[in-house]
């Protein structure tokens, strides 16, 4: 492309040079603040970057401390998740709760294949324990069907999960909603939040259909690269949940 007789230039992302030396965690009114050279760091929305648990604040401080000459936001997932949740504030909580429940009503784990039989059996083997866990943990019994025809989930099941979500903080709701969107399943996101299975195993459960197709058609390099990127985001949210819970 040429503009006014000159070759067009593709603008490069602005690189922010590291502007601090020391990183520390200090109790503040909002929780545990991350201090850069003794000054309170802030989110993109200019709110104090503070976590409710010291472990989460320490994890975020470690991301800032690990930066080199330039700040690379791609290496700061905990900071990104916390900042986005803080800037959305209490107003975002209702939206995240509603979005999670929306996924639950048409959850990935509730729609099974009719063929081939080996895929249906694999889905039953891997997904049924999660459905059973949700019933045991929240008293929510979901309907499982075969094929793509939509089924309505019992109001009682949705209400049980809605009640549980209503007791969580906005930060927890943001993390659960994010994990739900990545995995396509509120059931898997809730299992991640509760630490019911290892995070990598939960993510693999969300990719069951894709992995089954790979056995038949082989691995597509581009698709696998996308999956690895998605998994990285999923595990980052998992780490955020763990530290938010004080682990």
Protein backbone atom coordinates (compact mmCIF):
# COMPACT_ATOMS: atom_id res chain seq x y z
CA UNK A 1 0.00 0.00 0.00
CA UNK A 2 1.24 3.49 -0.84
CA UNK A 3 0.04 6.80 0.54
CA UNK A 4 0.80 10.10 -1.29
CA UNK A 5 3.59 8.45 -3.26
CA UNK A 6 5.34 7.05 -0.19
CA UNK A 7 5.40 3.53 1.14
CA UNK A 8 2.99 3.13 4.04
CA UNK A 9 4.52 2.21 7.36
CA UNK A 10 2.94 -0.19 9.79
CA UNK A 11 2.97 1.40 13.22
CA UNK A 12 4.70 -0.64 15.90
CA UNK A 13 3.28 -1.09 19.41
CA UNK A 14 4.51 1.55 21.83
CA UNK A 15 7.08 0.01 24.17
CA UNK A 16 7.04 1.27 27.73
CA UNK A 17 10.43 1.39 29.35
CA UNK A 18 10.68 0.09 32.91
CA UNK A 19 10.36 3.19 35.10
CA UNK A 20 10.94 1.68 38.55
CA UNK A 21 13.56 -0.28 40.45
CA UNK A 22 11.89 -1.77 43.51
CA UNK A 23 8.61 -3.66 43.82
CA UNK A 24 6.90 -4.30 47.15
CA UNK A 25 3.58 -5.37 48.66
CA UNK A 26 1.97 -3.29 51.40
CA UNK A 27 -1.38 -3.47 53.21
CA UNK A 28 -3.65 -0.60 52.16
CA UNK A 29 -7.33 0.22 52.57
CA UNK A 30 -8.29 -1.77 49.46
CA UNK A 31 -6.31 -4.86 50.51
CA UNK A 32 -2.70 -5.46 49.55
CA UNK A 33 -1.25 -2.88 47.21
CA UNK A 34 1.63 -3.34 44.77
CA UNK A 35 4.16 -0.53 45.22
CA UNK A 36 6.66 0.57 42.60
CA UNK A 37 9.52 2.49 44.19
CA UNK A 38 7.25 3.11 47.16
CA UNK A 39 4.37 4.50 45.09
CA UNK A 40 1.04 2.73 44.69
CA UNK A 41 0.68 1.20 41.22
CA UNK A 42 -2.60 1.71 39.40
CA UNK A 43 -4.79 0.01 36.83
CA UNK A 44 -5.46 1.32 33.34
CA UNK A 45 -8.53 3.00 34.84
CA UNK A 46 -6.32 4.73 37.43
CA UNK A 47 -7.67 2.67 40.32
CA UNK A 48 -5.29 1.33 42.98
CA UNK A 49 -3.86 -2.03 41.89
CA UNK A 50 -4.69 -3.94 45.06
CA UNK A 51 -5.54 -7.57 45.75
CA UNK A 52 -7.70 -8.98 48.56
CA UNK A 53 -5.08 -11.60 49.47
CA UNK A 54 -1.39 -11.14 50.12
CA UNK A 55 -0.52 -14.15 47.96
CA UNK A 56 -2.24 -12.67 44.92
CA UNK A 57 -0.55 -9.31 45.49
CA UNK A 58 2.79 -11.10 45.79
CA UNK A 59 2.16 -12.92 42.51
CA UNK A 60 1.40 -9.64 40.77
CA UNK A 61 4.44 -7.99 42.33
CA UNK A 62 6.56 -10.86 40.99
CA UNK A 63 5.31 -10.11 37.46
CA UNK A 64 6.36 -6.47 37.80
CA UNK A 65 9.68 -7.46 39.31
CA UNK A 66 10.46 -9.86 36.47
CA UNK A 67 10.23 -7.16 33.78
CA UNK A 68 13.37 -6.28 31.89
CA UNK A 69 14.32 -3.03 30.21
CA UNK A 70 10.82 -2.77 28.71
CA UNK A 71 7.48 -3.80 30.21
CA UNK A 72 5.91 -6.73 28.39
CA UNK A 73 2.21 -6.94 29.28
CA UNK A 74 1.98 -10.38 27.70
CA UNK A 75 4.05 -11.74 30.59
CA UNK A 76 1.76 -10.21 33.24
CA UNK A 77 -1.51 -12.24 33.16
CA UNK A 78 -2.29 -11.83 36.87
CA UNK A 79 -1.96 -8.07 36.56
CA UNK A 80 -4.21 -8.07 33.49
CA UNK A 81 -6.98 -10.10 35.12
CA UNK A 82 -6.97 -8.12 38.36
CA UNK A 83 -6.84 -4.77 36.55
CA UNK A 84 -9.77 -5.62 34.29
CA UNK A 85 -11.87 -6.83 37.22
CA UNK A 86 -11.10 -3.77 39.35
CA UNK A 87 -11.85 -1.31 36.56
CA UNK A 88 -15.20 -2.97 35.84
CA UNK A 89 -16.09 -2.69 39.52
CA UNK A 90 -19.24 -3.88 41.23
CA UNK A 91 -21.24 -3.04 38.12
CA UNK A 92 -19.56 -5.90 36.29
CA UNK A 93 -20.48 -8.52 38.89
CA UNK A 94 -24.10 -8.90 37.75
CA UNK A 95 -22.99 -9.21 34.13
CA UNK A 96 -20.39 -11.90 34.92
CA UNK A 97 -22.90 -13.85 37.01
CA UNK A 98 -25.52 -13.68 34.25
CA UNK A 99 -23.03 -14.68 31.55
CA UNK A 100 -21.90 -17.72 33.55
CA UNK A 101 -25.50 -18.83 34.09
CA UNK A 102 -26.21 -18.35 30.38
CA UNK A 103 -23.44 -20.80 29.53
CA UNK A 104 -24.74 -23.21 32.18
CA UNK A 105 -28.13 -23.34 30.46
CA UNK A 106 -26.49 -24.68 27.29
CA UNK A 107 -23.36 -26.17 28.81
CA UNK A 108 -20.86 -27.94 26.56
CA UNK A 109 -20.86 -30.99 28.81
CA UNK A 110 -24.61 -31.51 28.44
CA UNK A 111 -24.58 -32.03 24.66
CA UNK A 112 -23.24 -35.40 23.60
CA UNK A 113 -22.50 -36.93 20.23
CA UNK A 114 -24.76 -39.57 18.73
CA UNK A 115 -21.93 -40.98 16.60
CA UNK A 116 -19.36 -42.33 16.42
CA UNK A 117 -19.94 -44.54 19.42
CA UNK A 118 -16.34 -44.22 20.55
CA UNK A 119 -16.72 -40.42 20.87
CA UNK A 120 -20.00 -40.77 22.78
CA UNK A 121 -18.33 -43.24 25.14
CA UNK A 122 -15.37 -40.93 25.61
CA UNK A 123 -17.65 -37.99 26.43
CA UNK A 124 -19.51 -40.10 28.96
CA UNK A 125 -16.28 -41.25 30.56
CA UNK A 126 -14.72 -37.79 30.86
CA UNK A 127 -17.72 -35.49 31.27
CA UNK A 128 -20.07 -37.48 33.49
CA UNK A 129 -17.86 -37.08 36.59
CA UNK A 130 -18.07 -33.28 36.23
CA UNK A 131 -21.86 -33.40 35.90
CA UNK A 132 -22.01 -35.62 38.99
CA UNK A 133 -19.66 -33.31 40.87
CA UNK A 134 -21.84 -30.27 40.15
CA UNK A 135 -24.86 -32.12 41.54
CA UNK A 136 -22.97 -33.12 44.68
CA UNK A 137 -21.30 -29.74 45.23
CA UNK A 138 -24.19 -27.40 44.39
CA UNK A 139 -27.25 -29.62 44.37
CA UNK A 140 -27.66 -28.80 40.67
CA UNK A 141 -28.79 -31.72 38.53
CA UNK A 142 -28.36 -30.91 34.83
CA UNK A 143 -30.07 -32.64 31.92
CA UNK A 144 -27.74 -34.38 29.46
CA UNK A 145 -28.86 -34.97 25.88
CA UNK A 146 -27.53 -36.42 22.63
CA UNK A 147 -27.45 -34.38 19.45
CA UNK A 148 -27.82 -30.65 18.94
CA UNK A 149 -31.48 -30.20 19.87
CA UNK A 150 -31.67 -27.73 22.73
CA UNK A 151 -32.95 -28.89 26.10
CA UNK A 152 -34.12 -26.74 28.99
CA UNK A 153 -32.25 -27.08 32.25
CA UNK A 154 -34.32 -27.34 35.44
CA UNK A 155 -34.95 -23.99 37.11
CA UNK A 156 -33.94 -25.56 40.42
CA UNK A 157 -30.48 -26.41 39.09
CA UNK A 158 -29.90 -22.93 37.68
CA UNK A 159 -31.18 -21.33 40.88
CA UNK A 160 -28.81 -23.41 43.01
CA UNK A 161 -25.78 -22.26 41.05
CA UNK A 162 -27.08 -18.68 40.91
CA UNK A 163 -27.35 -18.65 44.68
CA UNK A 164 -23.77 -19.90 45.04
CA UNK A 165 -22.48 -17.27 42.60
CA UNK A 166 -24.35 -14.57 44.52
CA UNK A 167 -22.11 -15.19 47.51
CA UNK A 168 -18.87 -14.61 45.59
CA UNK A 169 -16.82 -11.45 45.22
CA UNK A 170 -16.67 -9.55 41.91
CA UNK A 171 -13.09 -10.74 41.42
CA UNK A 172 -14.13 -14.37 41.80
CA UNK A 173 -17.07 -13.87 39.43
CA UNK A 174 -14.81 -12.27 36.84
CA UNK A 175 -12.37 -15.19 37.01
CA UNK A 176 -15.14 -17.80 36.77
CA UNK A 177 -16.80 -16.00 33.87
CA UNK A 178 -13.46 -15.76 32.05
CA UNK A 179 -12.77 -19.48 32.54
CA UNK A 180 -16.31 -20.24 31.38
CA UNK A 181 -15.84 -18.34 28.13
CA UNK A 182 -12.47 -19.98 27.46
CA UNK A 183 -13.71 -23.52 28.10
CA UNK A 184 -17.27 -23.12 26.84
CA UNK A 185 -18.51 -24.66 30.07
CA UNK A 186 -19.68 -23.14 33.34
CA UNK A 187 -19.43 -26.60 34.90
CA UNK A 188 -15.73 -26.81 34.10
CA UNK A 189 -15.14 -23.23 35.28
CA UNK A 190 -16.79 -23.98 38.62
CA UNK A 191 -14.72 -27.15 38.97
CA UNK A 192 -11.64 -25.02 38.31
CA UNK A 193 -12.72 -22.49 40.95
CA UNK A 194 -13.21 -25.23 43.53
CA UNK A 195 -9.97 -27.01 42.63
CA UNK A 196 -11.89 -30.24 42.03
CA UNK A 197 -9.49 -31.45 39.30
CA UNK A 198 -6.03 -30.36 38.10
CA UNK A 199 -6.34 -27.31 35.82
CA UNK A 200 -4.67 -29.00 32.86
CA UNK A 201 -7.09 -31.93 33.15
CA UNK A 202 -10.08 -29.59 33.22
CA UNK A 203 -8.83 -27.77 30.14
CA UNK A 204 -8.30 -31.09 28.35
CA UNK A 205 -11.92 -31.98 29.14
CA UNK A 206 -13.03 -28.81 27.35
CA UNK A 207 -11.08 -29.90 24.25
CA UNK A 208 -12.30 -33.49 24.19
CA UNK A 209 -14.06 -33.22 20.83
CA UNK A 210 -11.11 -31.51 19.16
CA UNK A 211 -8.65 -34.08 20.51
CA UNK A 212 -10.87 -36.89 19.27
CA UNK A 213 -10.88 -35.38 15.78
CA UNK A 214 -7.10 -35.22 15.85
CA UNK A 215 -7.00 -39.01 16.23
CA UNK A 216 -8.89 -39.36 12.95
CA UNK A 217 -7.58 -36.48 10.89
CA UNK A 218 -4.23 -35.63 12.44
CA UNK A 219 -2.99 -32.48 14.13
CA UNK A 220 -3.43 -29.14 12.39
CA UNK A 221 -0.47 -26.96 13.31
CA UNK A 222 -2.41 -23.70 13.22
CA UNK A 223 -5.26 -25.09 15.31
CA UNK A 224 -2.82 -26.55 17.82
CA UNK A 225 -1.07 -23.18 18.16
CA UNK A 226 -4.44 -21.54 18.91
CA UNK A 227 -5.21 -24.22 21.48
CA UNK A 228 -1.87 -23.67 23.22
CA UNK A 229 -2.58 -19.95 23.41
CA UNK A 230 -6.04 -20.59 24.85
CA UNK A 231 -4.64 -23.07 27.36
CA UNK A 232 -2.09 -20.50 28.50
CA UNK A 233 -4.92 -18.06 29.24
CA UNK A 234 -6.93 -20.77 31.01
CA UNK A 235 -4.03 -21.73 33.27
CA UNK A 236 -3.36 -18.07 34.03
CA UNK A 237 -6.96 -17.68 35.24
CA UNK A 238 -6.52 -20.86 37.26
CA UNK A 239 -3.46 -19.39 38.95
CA UNK A 240 -5.39 -16.19 39.64
CA UNK A 241 -8.16 -18.23 41.30
CA UNK A 242 -5.68 -20.15 43.40
CA UNK A 243 -3.98 -17.01 44.70
CA UNK A 244 -7.32 -15.26 45.20
CA UNK A 245 -8.34 -18.15 47.41
CA UNK A 246 -5.20 -17.58 49.47
CA UNK A 247 -3.27 -20.62 48.28
